[in-house]
Amino acid sequence: MSPNSDSSARVAATCALRKVAVLCHWVPGVGVQVIQERRDPLCVAAFDVEVQRRSTLMSPCGFRRALVASLTERSGSIAGLIDLDEPLTVSAFTDPTTTLTDAGIVLHRLDEVRAAMAFPTLVGPDSCVEMRDECLGMCTTRLDFERDAELGVTLAHTTVDYRDDDDVEQARCALVDMVVRLGVVESLDQLAGPEPE
C-alpha cells in the first residue's frame, strides 16, 4: 500500500470514528463495535450489551474523550485500543428502543409518542442550514443541528410523532435527501483535502 493510500485510509477511518462517536454520545440507543485484526474488539455503548470474550467495553463519553485526545495530540492511537494506521471495521448496533434506518439514519423512541431521528455529518451547521432550507421546501419536518466542535461533527436531528406513520415517513424522506446531499459535500471536501493554514 502506498503512503498516500495509507493516509487516505487513516483519514476515512478517523472520519467514520468521529461520526459514530457523536452519534453514540447523543443517542443512548446506539452502540458501536470497532474491530481490528491484531487488537481486542472495542464495544462502545450506553446500555447493557453482551460482548465477546476479550472485548473492551467503553462508555460513549469515554470513547468521545479518548478520540478528542487522540485528535488533539495527533497520535495514531485512541486510548491504546484502536490503531488508526491499521485497517478497522466499524459496525453499529442498537438497543430495543432504537432502529437504524436506510442511509444511516437513527430512529430512537423517546417515549410512547415521540421519537428522535438523527444522523451525523462532517459538514458545518451553517452549510447544513443552507442545504436544509434549499431541499426541505414545503416539507413540514423541522430539522435542527447540533455541532460537536471538538470532533468537527454536526448532528442533524428532528422529533416525530412515533404513532403517525406519515409523519415518520415524511421526516425519513427529508433526512435521506439531506444525507445524500451532505454526503456529496463531505466527499468533495475530502477530495479537496485540508485548507492551507
N, C-alpha and C. Protein backbone atom coordinates (compact mmCIF):
# COMPACT_ATOMS: atom_id res chain seq x y z
N MET A 1 0.85 -1.18 0.00
CA MET A 1 0.00 0.00 0.00
C MET A 1 0.89 1.24 0.00
N SER A 2 0.57 2.21 -0.81
CA SER A 2 1.39 3.41 -0.91
C SER A 2 1.14 4.32 0.29
N PRO A 3 2.10 5.21 0.61
CA PRO A 3 1.89 6.13 1.73
C PRO A 3 0.64 6.98 1.55
N ASN A 4 0.34 7.37 0.29
CA ASN A 4 -0.85 8.19 0.05
C ASN A 4 -2.13 7.42 0.37
N SER A 5 -2.19 6.13 -0.01
CA SER A 5 -3.39 5.35 0.30
C SER A 5 -3.47 5.06 1.79
N ASP A 6 -2.31 4.91 2.48
CA ASP A 6 -2.32 4.75 3.93
C ASP A 6 -2.93 5.99 4.58
N SER A 7 -2.54 7.17 4.09
CA SER A 7 -3.05 8.42 4.62
C SER A 7 -4.55 8.54 4.36
N SER A 8 -4.99 8.16 3.16
CA SER A 8 -6.42 8.21 2.84
C SER A 8 -7.22 7.27 3.73
N ALA A 9 -6.68 6.08 3.96
CA ALA A 9 -7.37 5.12 4.83
C ALA A 9 -7.48 5.65 6.26
N ARG A 10 -6.42 6.29 6.73
CA ARG A 10 -6.44 6.84 8.08
C ARG A 10 -7.46 7.97 8.19
N VAL A 11 -7.52 8.83 7.17
CA VAL A 11 -8.49 9.93 7.16
C VAL A 11 -9.91 9.36 7.16
N ALA A 12 -10.16 8.37 6.32
CA ALA A 12 -11.50 7.76 6.25
C ALA A 12 -11.88 7.12 7.58
N ALA A 13 -10.94 6.40 8.19
CA ALA A 13 -11.21 5.75 9.48
C ALA A 13 -11.49 6.80 10.56
N THR A 14 -10.69 7.85 10.58
CA THR A 14 -10.87 8.89 11.58
C THR A 14 -12.22 9.59 11.39
N CYS A 15 -12.59 9.86 10.15
CA CYS A 15 -13.90 10.49 9.87
C CYS A 15 -15.04 9.61 10.36
N ALA A 16 -14.97 8.33 10.06
CA ALA A 16 -16.01 7.40 10.49
C ALA A 16 -16.10 7.34 12.01
N LEU A 17 -14.97 7.28 12.67
CA LEU A 17 -14.96 7.21 14.14
C LEU A 17 -15.49 8.50 14.76
N ARG A 18 -15.16 9.64 14.18
CA ARG A 18 -15.69 10.91 14.69
C ARG A 18 -17.21 10.92 14.61
N LYS A 19 -17.76 10.48 13.49
CA LYS A 19 -19.22 10.48 13.31
C LYS A 19 -19.91 9.52 14.27
N VAL A 20 -19.39 8.30 14.42
CA VAL A 20 -20.05 7.35 15.32
C VAL A 20 -19.89 7.76 16.78
N ALA A 21 -18.77 8.44 17.10
CA ALA A 21 -18.59 8.90 18.48
C ALA A 21 -19.68 9.90 18.85
N VAL A 22 -19.98 10.82 17.94
CA VAL A 22 -21.02 11.81 18.20
C VAL A 22 -22.40 11.13 18.26
N LEU A 23 -22.65 10.22 17.34
CA LEU A 23 -23.94 9.53 17.32
C LEU A 23 -24.17 8.76 18.61
N CYS A 24 -23.18 7.99 19.06
CA CYS A 24 -23.32 7.23 20.32
C CYS A 24 -23.46 8.15 21.52
N HIS A 25 -22.77 9.28 21.47
CA HIS A 25 -22.80 10.22 22.58
C HIS A 25 -24.17 10.88 22.71
N TRP A 26 -24.80 11.18 21.59
CA TRP A 26 -26.09 11.88 21.59
C TRP A 26 -27.29 10.96 21.66
N VAL A 27 -27.18 9.77 21.09
CA VAL A 27 -28.33 8.85 21.02
C VAL A 27 -28.02 7.63 21.88
N PRO A 28 -28.65 7.54 23.07
CA PRO A 28 -28.28 6.48 24.01
C PRO A 28 -28.59 5.06 23.52
N GLY A 29 -29.40 4.92 22.48
CA GLY A 29 -29.75 3.59 21.99
C GLY A 29 -28.84 3.06 20.90
N VAL A 30 -27.75 3.79 20.59
CA VAL A 30 -26.82 3.35 19.55
C VAL A 30 -25.50 2.94 20.18
N GLY A 31 -25.00 1.80 19.75
CA GLY A 31 -23.69 1.33 20.17
C GLY A 31 -22.85 1.06 18.95
N VAL A 32 -21.55 0.94 19.15
CA VAL A 32 -20.62 0.72 18.05
C VAL A 32 -19.59 -0.31 18.46
N GLN A 33 -19.23 -1.15 17.51
CA GLN A 33 -18.13 -2.08 17.72
C GLN A 33 -17.04 -1.77 16.70
N VAL A 34 -15.81 -1.70 17.18
CA VAL A 34 -14.65 -1.46 16.32
C VAL A 34 -13.77 -2.70 16.39
N ILE A 35 -13.48 -3.26 15.22
CA ILE A 35 -12.69 -4.49 15.17
C ILE A 35 -11.44 -4.25 14.33
N GLN A 36 -10.30 -4.67 14.89
CA GLN A 36 -9.03 -4.67 14.17
C GLN A 36 -8.39 -6.03 14.35
N GLU A 37 -7.67 -6.47 13.34
CA GLU A 37 -7.14 -7.83 13.32
C GLU A 37 -6.26 -8.15 14.53
N ARG A 38 -5.39 -7.25 14.93
CA ARG A 38 -4.43 -7.56 15.98
C ARG A 38 -4.78 -6.96 17.34
N ARG A 39 -6.02 -6.57 17.51
CA ARG A 39 -6.45 -5.96 18.78
C ARG A 39 -7.76 -6.59 19.24
N ASP A 40 -8.00 -6.47 20.54
CA ASP A 40 -9.28 -6.93 21.06
C ASP A 40 -10.37 -6.01 20.54
N PRO A 41 -11.57 -6.54 20.25
CA PRO A 41 -12.66 -5.68 19.79
C PRO A 41 -13.01 -4.63 20.84
N LEU A 42 -13.39 -3.45 20.37
CA LEU A 42 -13.83 -2.37 21.24
C LEU A 42 -15.33 -2.20 21.05
N CYS A 43 -16.06 -2.22 22.15
CA CYS A 43 -17.51 -2.07 22.12
C CYS A 43 -17.87 -0.80 22.89
N VAL A 44 -18.59 0.12 22.24
CA VAL A 44 -18.98 1.40 22.85
C VAL A 44 -20.49 1.43 22.95
N ALA A 45 -21.02 1.56 24.17
CA ALA A 45 -22.47 1.60 24.34
C ALA A 45 -22.83 2.19 25.69
N ALA A 46 -24.00 2.83 25.74
CA ALA A 46 -24.52 3.37 26.99
C ALA A 46 -25.54 2.42 27.62
N PHE A 47 -25.72 1.27 27.02
CA PHE A 47 -26.69 0.29 27.52
C PHE A 47 -25.98 -1.05 27.67
N ASP A 48 -26.62 -1.96 28.41
CA ASP A 48 -26.02 -3.27 28.63
C ASP A 48 -25.95 -4.06 27.33
N VAL A 49 -24.78 -4.59 27.04
CA VAL A 49 -24.58 -5.41 25.85
C VAL A 49 -23.78 -6.65 26.22
N GLU A 50 -24.04 -7.71 25.50
CA GLU A 50 -23.21 -8.90 25.64
C GLU A 50 -22.02 -8.73 24.72
N VAL A 51 -20.83 -8.80 25.28
CA VAL A 51 -19.64 -8.63 24.46
C VAL A 51 -18.90 -9.95 24.36
N GLN A 52 -18.13 -10.07 23.27
CA GLN A 52 -17.30 -11.25 23.09
C GLN A 52 -16.25 -11.29 24.19
N ARG A 53 -15.80 -12.47 24.47
CA ARG A 53 -14.69 -12.60 25.41
C ARG A 53 -13.52 -11.79 24.88
N ARG A 54 -12.81 -11.12 25.72
CA ARG A 54 -11.66 -10.30 25.38
C ARG A 54 -12.04 -8.96 24.74
N SER A 55 -13.31 -8.63 24.67
CA SER A 55 -13.71 -7.32 24.17
C SER A 55 -13.52 -6.27 25.25
N THR A 56 -13.23 -5.07 24.84
CA THR A 56 -13.14 -3.95 25.76
C THR A 56 -14.44 -3.16 25.63
N LEU A 57 -15.08 -2.87 26.76
CA LEU A 57 -16.31 -2.10 26.78
C LEU A 57 -15.99 -0.68 27.23
N MET A 58 -16.50 0.31 26.50
CA MET A 58 -16.24 1.71 26.82
C MET A 58 -17.55 2.49 26.71
N SER A 59 -17.71 3.48 27.57
CA SER A 59 -18.90 4.32 27.51
C SER A 59 -18.77 5.28 26.33
N PRO A 60 -19.90 5.78 25.79
CA PRO A 60 -19.82 6.78 24.72
C PRO A 60 -19.04 8.02 25.12
N CYS A 61 -19.20 8.47 26.37
CA CYS A 61 -18.45 9.66 26.83
C CYS A 61 -16.96 9.37 26.86
N GLY A 62 -16.59 8.20 27.37
CA GLY A 62 -15.18 7.82 27.41
C GLY A 62 -14.58 7.70 26.02
N PHE A 63 -15.34 7.13 25.10
CA PHE A 63 -14.86 6.98 23.72
C PHE A 63 -14.68 8.35 23.07
N ARG A 64 -15.65 9.22 23.26
CA ARG A 64 -15.56 10.57 22.70
C ARG A 64 -14.34 11.30 23.25
N ARG A 65 -14.15 11.25 24.59
CA ARG A 65 -12.99 11.91 25.20
C ARG A 65 -11.67 11.35 24.65
N ALA A 66 -11.59 10.03 24.52
CA ALA A 66 -10.36 9.39 24.01
C ALA A 66 -10.10 9.80 22.56
N LEU A 67 -11.15 9.90 21.77
CA LEU A 67 -10.99 10.30 20.37
C LEU A 67 -10.56 11.77 20.27
N VAL A 68 -11.16 12.64 21.07
CA VAL A 68 -10.76 14.05 21.09
C VAL A 68 -9.29 14.16 21.48
N ALA A 69 -8.87 13.43 22.51
CA ALA A 69 -7.47 13.47 22.94
C ALA A 69 -6.55 12.99 21.83
N SER A 70 -6.94 11.93 21.14
CA SER A 70 -6.12 11.40 20.04
C SER A 70 -5.98 12.41 18.92
N LEU A 71 -7.07 13.09 18.58
CA LEU A 71 -7.02 14.09 17.52
C LEU A 71 -6.22 15.31 17.94
N THR A 72 -6.35 15.71 19.20
CA THR A 72 -5.62 16.87 19.71
C THR A 72 -4.11 16.59 19.72
N GLU A 73 -3.76 15.39 20.15
CA GLU A 73 -2.35 15.01 20.24
C GLU A 73 -1.79 14.54 18.90
N ARG A 74 -2.68 14.36 17.92
CA ARG A 74 -2.29 13.83 16.60
C ARG A 74 -1.58 12.48 16.73
N SER A 75 -2.06 11.68 17.66
CA SER A 75 -1.47 10.36 17.85
C SER A 75 -2.14 9.38 16.89
N GLY A 76 -1.53 8.27 16.70
CA GLY A 76 -2.08 7.25 15.81
C GLY A 76 -2.89 6.21 16.55
N SER A 77 -3.19 6.50 17.82
CA SER A 77 -3.89 5.53 18.64
C SER A 77 -4.99 6.22 19.44
N ILE A 78 -6.05 5.49 19.67
CA ILE A 78 -7.14 6.01 20.51
C ILE A 78 -7.12 5.19 21.80
N ALA A 79 -6.61 5.82 22.85
CA ALA A 79 -6.52 5.22 24.18
C ALA A 79 -5.79 3.87 24.17
N GLY A 80 -4.92 3.68 23.21
CA GLY A 80 -4.19 2.42 23.09
C GLY A 80 -5.07 1.25 22.65
N LEU A 81 -6.32 1.54 22.31
CA LEU A 81 -7.28 0.49 21.94
C LEU A 81 -7.48 0.37 20.43
N ILE A 82 -7.32 1.46 19.72
CA ILE A 82 -7.51 1.47 18.27
C ILE A 82 -6.26 2.08 17.64
N ASP A 83 -5.69 1.40 16.67
CA ASP A 83 -4.54 1.89 15.92
C ASP A 83 -5.05 2.46 14.60
N LEU A 84 -4.95 3.77 14.44
CA LEU A 84 -5.50 4.41 13.25
C LEU A 84 -4.72 4.09 11.98
N ASP A 85 -3.55 3.49 12.13
CA ASP A 85 -2.75 3.11 10.97
C ASP A 85 -3.05 1.69 10.49
N GLU A 86 -3.90 0.99 11.20
CA GLU A 86 -4.28 -0.37 10.82
C GLU A 86 -5.73 -0.38 10.32
N PRO A 87 -6.04 -1.27 9.36
CA PRO A 87 -7.43 -1.35 8.89
C PRO A 87 -8.39 -1.67 10.05
N LEU A 88 -9.57 -1.11 9.97
CA LEU A 88 -10.57 -1.38 11.01
C LEU A 88 -11.95 -1.52 10.39
N THR A 89 -12.80 -2.20 11.12
CA THR A 89 -14.20 -2.35 10.74
C THR A 89 -15.05 -1.74 11.84
N VAL A 90 -15.97 -0.86 11.45
CA VAL A 90 -16.86 -0.21 12.41
C VAL A 90 -18.27 -0.67 12.10
N SER A 91 -18.96 -1.21 13.10
CA SER A 91 -20.35 -1.62 12.90
C SER A 91 -21.20 -1.08 14.04
N ALA A 92 -22.40 -0.66 13.70
CA ALA A 92 -23.32 -0.10 14.70
C ALA A 92 -24.34 -1.16 15.10
N PHE A 93 -24.82 -1.05 16.32
CA PHE A 93 -25.90 -1.89 16.81
C PHE A 93 -26.78 -1.03 17.70
N THR A 94 -27.96 -1.52 18.03
CA THR A 94 -28.91 -0.71 18.79
C THR A 94 -29.54 -1.48 19.93
N ASP A 95 -30.13 -0.73 20.84
CA ASP A 95 -30.95 -1.35 21.87
C ASP A 95 -32.38 -1.43 21.34
N PRO A 96 -33.33 -2.04 22.08
CA PRO A 96 -34.70 -2.22 21.56
C PRO A 96 -35.46 -0.92 21.28
N THR A 97 -35.02 0.22 21.82
CA THR A 97 -35.74 1.48 21.59
C THR A 97 -35.27 2.19 20.33
N THR A 98 -34.31 1.62 19.63
CA THR A 98 -33.66 2.34 18.54
C THR A 98 -33.57 1.46 17.30
N THR A 99 -33.70 2.10 16.14
CA THR A 99 -33.60 1.42 14.85
C THR A 99 -32.65 2.19 13.95
N LEU A 100 -31.82 1.46 13.21
CA LEU A 100 -31.00 2.08 12.18
C LEU A 100 -31.77 1.94 10.88
N THR A 101 -32.11 3.06 10.27
CA THR A 101 -32.86 3.03 9.01
C THR A 101 -31.91 3.20 7.84
N ASP A 102 -32.47 3.26 6.66
CA ASP A 102 -31.63 3.43 5.46
C ASP A 102 -30.85 4.73 5.53
N ALA A 103 -29.76 4.76 4.84
CA ALA A 103 -28.89 5.94 4.74
C ALA A 103 -28.23 6.32 6.06
N GLY A 104 -28.22 5.40 7.03
CA GLY A 104 -27.54 5.68 8.30
C GLY A 104 -28.31 6.57 9.25
N ILE A 105 -29.61 6.66 9.06
CA ILE A 105 -30.45 7.48 9.94
C ILE A 105 -30.89 6.62 11.13
N VAL A 106 -30.85 7.23 12.31
CA VAL A 106 -31.24 6.54 13.53
C VAL A 106 -32.63 7.02 13.95
N LEU A 107 -33.48 6.08 14.32
CA LEU A 107 -34.80 6.39 14.88
C LEU A 107 -34.78 5.90 16.33
N HIS A 108 -34.86 6.82 17.28
CA HIS A 108 -34.78 6.48 18.71
C HIS A 108 -36.05 6.92 19.41
N ARG A 109 -36.81 5.95 19.94
CA ARG A 109 -38.04 6.28 20.65
C ARG A 109 -37.72 6.96 21.98
N LEU A 110 -38.29 8.14 22.16
CA LEU A 110 -38.07 8.91 23.39
C LEU A 110 -39.09 8.55 24.46
N ASP A 111 -40.32 8.27 24.03
CA ASP A 111 -41.40 7.87 24.93
C ASP A 111 -42.47 7.18 24.08
N GLU A 112 -43.69 7.08 24.58
CA GLU A 112 -44.75 6.38 23.84
C GLU A 112 -45.24 7.15 22.62
N VAL A 113 -44.90 8.43 22.54
CA VAL A 113 -45.40 9.28 21.46
C VAL A 113 -44.28 9.78 20.54
N ARG A 114 -43.19 10.24 21.12
CA ARG A 114 -42.15 10.91 20.33
C ARG A 114 -40.95 10.01 20.06
N ALA A 115 -40.36 10.27 18.91
CA ALA A 115 -39.11 9.62 18.55
C ALA A 115 -38.19 10.66 17.93
N ALA A 116 -36.91 10.51 18.17
CA ALA A 116 -35.91 11.38 17.54
C ALA A 116 -35.34 10.64 16.34
N MET A 117 -35.12 11.38 15.26
CA MET A 117 -34.44 10.83 14.09
C MET A 117 -33.19 11.68 13.90
N ALA A 118 -32.05 11.02 13.65
CA ALA A 118 -30.80 11.77 13.59
C ALA A 118 -29.78 11.09 12.70
N PHE A 119 -28.81 11.88 12.25
CA PHE A 119 -27.63 11.35 11.56
C PHE A 119 -26.49 12.35 11.72
N PRO A 120 -25.25 11.86 11.73
CA PRO A 120 -24.09 12.75 11.84
C PRO A 120 -23.53 13.12 10.48
N THR A 121 -22.91 14.29 10.40
CA THR A 121 -22.24 14.73 9.17
C THR A 121 -21.02 15.55 9.55
N LEU A 122 -20.04 15.57 8.66
CA LEU A 122 -18.85 16.39 8.87
C LEU A 122 -19.04 17.81 8.37
N VAL A 123 -20.14 18.07 7.72
CA VAL A 123 -20.44 19.40 7.17
C VAL A 123 -20.85 20.32 8.33
N GLY A 124 -20.37 21.55 8.30
CA GLY A 124 -20.67 22.51 9.36
C GLY A 124 -22.13 22.90 9.41
N PRO A 125 -22.59 23.38 10.57
CA PRO A 125 -24.01 23.68 10.74
C PRO A 125 -24.54 24.78 9.82
N ASP A 126 -23.72 25.79 9.50
CA ASP A 126 -24.19 26.86 8.61
C ASP A 126 -24.51 26.31 7.22
N SER A 127 -23.62 25.45 6.71
CA SER A 127 -23.88 24.82 5.41
C SER A 127 -25.08 23.88 5.49
N CYS A 128 -25.23 23.21 6.63
CA CYS A 128 -26.38 22.32 6.81
C CYS A 128 -27.69 23.11 6.78
N VAL A 129 -27.71 24.27 7.44
CA VAL A 129 -28.91 25.10 7.45
C VAL A 129 -29.25 25.56 6.04
N GLU A 130 -28.24 26.01 5.28
CA GLU A 130 -28.48 26.44 3.90
C GLU A 130 -29.06 25.29 3.07
N MET A 131 -28.48 24.11 3.21
CA MET A 131 -28.94 22.97 2.44
C MET A 131 -30.35 22.55 2.88
N ARG A 132 -30.60 22.60 4.18
CA ARG A 132 -31.94 22.27 4.69
C ARG A 132 -32.97 23.19 4.07
N ASP A 133 -32.67 24.48 4.06
CA ASP A 133 -33.62 25.45 3.54
C ASP A 133 -33.87 25.23 2.05
N GLU A 134 -32.84 24.79 1.31
CA GLU A 134 -33.00 24.51 -0.11
C GLU A 134 -33.79 23.24 -0.36
N CYS A 135 -33.48 22.18 0.37
CA CYS A 135 -34.06 20.88 -0.01
C CYS A 135 -35.35 20.53 0.71
N LEU A 136 -35.66 21.14 1.83
CA LEU A 136 -36.90 20.77 2.50
C LEU A 136 -38.11 21.48 1.91
N GLY A 137 -37.92 22.68 1.37
CA GLY A 137 -39.01 23.36 0.69
C GLY A 137 -40.29 23.40 1.50
N MET A 138 -41.32 22.78 0.95
CA MET A 138 -42.64 22.79 1.58
C MET A 138 -42.80 21.72 2.66
N CYS A 139 -41.79 20.93 2.87
CA CYS A 139 -41.85 19.86 3.87
C CYS A 139 -42.04 20.48 5.26
N THR A 140 -42.88 19.87 6.07
CA THR A 140 -43.15 20.40 7.41
C THR A 140 -42.17 19.87 8.45
N THR A 141 -41.26 19.01 8.06
CA THR A 141 -40.29 18.46 9.01
C THR A 141 -39.35 19.56 9.47
N ARG A 142 -39.23 19.70 10.77
CA ARG A 142 -38.27 20.67 11.35
C ARG A 142 -36.97 19.92 11.59
N LEU A 143 -35.90 20.39 11.00
CA LEU A 143 -34.60 19.75 11.13
C LEU A 143 -33.63 20.72 11.79
N ASP A 144 -33.07 20.30 12.93
CA ASP A 144 -32.14 21.14 13.68
C ASP A 144 -30.75 20.51 13.66
N PHE A 145 -29.76 21.29 14.07
CA PHE A 145 -28.37 20.85 14.02
C PHE A 145 -27.64 21.21 15.31
N GLU A 146 -26.88 20.26 15.82
CA GLU A 146 -26.03 20.48 16.99
C GLU A 146 -24.60 20.17 16.56
N ARG A 147 -23.67 21.03 16.91
CA ARG A 147 -22.27 20.87 16.49
C ARG A 147 -21.41 20.42 17.66
N ASP A 148 -20.63 19.38 17.44
CA ASP A 148 -19.57 18.97 18.36
C ASP A 148 -18.29 19.58 17.80
N ALA A 149 -17.92 20.73 18.30
CA ALA A 149 -16.79 21.47 17.74
C ALA A 149 -15.47 20.72 17.90
N GLU A 150 -15.32 19.99 19.00
CA GLU A 150 -14.05 19.28 19.22
C GLU A 150 -13.83 18.16 18.20
N LEU A 151 -14.91 17.53 17.77
CA LEU A 151 -14.78 16.45 16.79
C LEU A 151 -15.09 16.91 15.37
N GLY A 152 -15.62 18.12 15.24
CA GLY A 152 -15.93 18.63 13.90
C GLY A 152 -17.07 17.87 13.24
N VAL A 153 -18.07 17.51 14.03
CA VAL A 153 -19.22 16.75 13.53
C VAL A 153 -20.50 17.48 13.89
N THR A 154 -21.42 17.53 12.95
CA THR A 154 -22.73 18.12 13.17
C THR A 154 -23.76 16.99 13.24
N LEU A 155 -24.62 17.02 14.25
CA LEU A 155 -25.71 16.05 14.34
C LEU A 155 -26.98 16.72 13.84
N ALA A 156 -27.53 16.18 12.76
CA ALA A 156 -28.81 16.65 12.23
C ALA A 156 -29.89 15.83 12.92
N HIS A 157 -30.94 16.48 13.41
CA HIS A 157 -31.97 15.74 14.15
C HIS A 157 -33.33 16.41 14.05
N THR A 158 -34.34 15.59 14.23
CA THR A 158 -35.71 16.05 14.27
C THR A 158 -36.48 15.16 15.24
N THR A 159 -37.64 15.61 15.67
CA THR A 159 -38.51 14.81 16.53
C THR A 159 -39.82 14.59 15.79
N VAL A 160 -40.30 13.34 15.83
CA VAL A 160 -41.54 12.99 15.13
C VAL A 160 -42.51 12.33 16.09
N ASP A 161 -43.78 12.29 15.68
CA ASP A 161 -44.80 11.54 16.41
C ASP A 161 -44.67 10.09 15.95
N TYR A 162 -44.17 9.26 16.85
CA TYR A 162 -43.87 7.87 16.52
C TYR A 162 -45.13 7.09 16.08
N ARG A 163 -46.31 7.54 16.52
CA ARG A 163 -47.56 6.85 16.19
C ARG A 163 -48.07 7.20 14.81
N ASP A 164 -47.55 8.28 14.23
CA ASP A 164 -48.03 8.78 12.94
C ASP A 164 -47.08 8.34 11.83
N ASP A 165 -47.47 7.30 11.10
CA ASP A 165 -46.62 6.76 10.04
C ASP A 165 -46.29 7.81 8.98
N ASP A 166 -47.24 8.69 8.66
CA ASP A 166 -46.99 9.73 7.66
C ASP A 166 -45.92 10.71 8.14
N ASP A 167 -45.99 11.09 9.41
CA ASP A 167 -45.01 12.00 9.99
C ASP A 167 -43.61 11.37 9.95
N VAL A 168 -43.51 10.11 10.35
CA VAL A 168 -42.23 9.40 10.35
C VAL A 168 -41.70 9.27 8.92
N GLU A 169 -42.57 8.92 7.98
CA GLU A 169 -42.13 8.74 6.59
C GLU A 169 -41.70 10.07 5.96
N GLN A 170 -42.42 11.14 6.23
CA GLN A 170 -42.04 12.44 5.69
C GLN A 170 -40.67 12.86 6.24
N ALA A 171 -40.46 12.66 7.54
CA ALA A 171 -39.17 13.00 8.14
C ALA A 171 -38.07 12.11 7.57
N ARG A 172 -38.35 10.83 7.41
CA ARG A 172 -37.35 9.90 6.86
C ARG A 172 -36.94 10.33 5.46
N CYS A 173 -37.89 10.66 4.63
CA CYS A 173 -37.58 11.11 3.26
C CYS A 173 -36.75 12.38 3.26
N ALA A 174 -37.12 13.34 4.13
CA ALA A 174 -36.37 14.60 4.21
C ALA A 174 -34.94 14.33 4.68
N LEU A 175 -34.78 13.46 5.67
CA LEU A 175 -33.45 13.16 6.18
C LEU A 175 -32.61 12.38 5.17
N VAL A 176 -33.23 11.46 4.45
CA VAL A 176 -32.49 10.72 3.41
C VAL A 176 -31.96 11.70 2.36
N ASP A 177 -32.81 12.65 1.96
CA ASP A 177 -32.38 13.66 0.99
C ASP A 177 -31.19 14.44 1.53
N MET A 178 -31.25 14.83 2.80
CA MET A 178 -30.15 15.57 3.41
C MET A 178 -28.89 14.71 3.51
N VAL A 179 -29.03 13.44 3.88
CA VAL A 179 -27.87 12.54 3.99
C VAL A 179 -27.14 12.46 2.65
N VAL A 180 -27.91 12.28 1.58
CA VAL A 180 -27.31 12.15 0.25
C VAL A 180 -26.59 13.45 -0.14
N ARG A 181 -27.26 14.57 0.02
CA ARG A 181 -26.66 15.86 -0.36
C ARG A 181 -25.42 16.18 0.48
N LEU A 182 -25.53 15.96 1.78
CA LEU A 182 -24.39 16.25 2.64
C LEU A 182 -23.25 15.26 2.40
N GLY A 183 -23.58 14.03 2.03
CA GLY A 183 -22.56 13.04 1.68
C GLY A 183 -21.73 13.48 0.49
N VAL A 184 -22.37 14.10 -0.48
CA VAL A 184 -21.65 14.63 -1.64
C VAL A 184 -20.70 15.75 -1.20
N VAL A 185 -21.19 16.64 -0.35
CA VAL A 185 -20.34 17.74 0.14
C VAL A 185 -19.16 17.18 0.92
N GLU A 186 -19.41 16.18 1.80
CA GLU A 186 -18.32 15.55 2.56
C GLU A 186 -17.27 14.96 1.62
N SER A 187 -17.73 14.24 0.60
CA SER A 187 -16.80 13.61 -0.35
C SER A 187 -15.96 14.65 -1.08
N LEU A 188 -16.59 15.71 -1.52
CA LEU A 188 -15.85 16.77 -2.22
C LEU A 188 -14.84 17.43 -1.28
N ASP A 189 -15.25 17.65 -0.03
CA ASP A 189 -14.33 18.25 0.96
C ASP A 189 -13.14 17.34 1.20
N GLN A 190 -13.37 16.03 1.28
CA GLN A 190 -12.25 15.09 1.50
C GLN A 190 -11.32 15.05 0.29
N LEU A 191 -11.89 15.11 -0.91
CA LEU A 191 -11.05 15.13 -2.11
C LEU A 191 -10.20 16.39 -2.18
N ALA A 192 -10.77 17.51 -1.73
CA ALA A 192 -10.05 18.77 -1.77
C ALA A 192 -8.93 18.81 -0.73
N GLY A 193 -9.07 18.01 0.32
CA GLY A 193 -8.05 17.99 1.37
C GLY A 193 -8.22 19.16 2.32
N PRO A 194 -7.35 19.22 3.33
CA PRO A 194 -7.47 20.30 4.31
C PRO A 194 -7.09 21.65 3.71
N GLU A 195 -7.73 22.68 4.23
CA GLU A 195 -7.40 24.02 3.78
C GLU A 195 -6.03 24.40 4.31
N PRO A 196 -5.23 25.13 3.49
CA PRO A 196 -3.90 25.55 3.97
C PRO A 196 -4.03 26.46 5.18
N GLU A 197 -3.11 26.29 6.10
CA GLU A 197 -3.17 27.11 7.34
C GLU A 197 -2.47 28.43 7.14
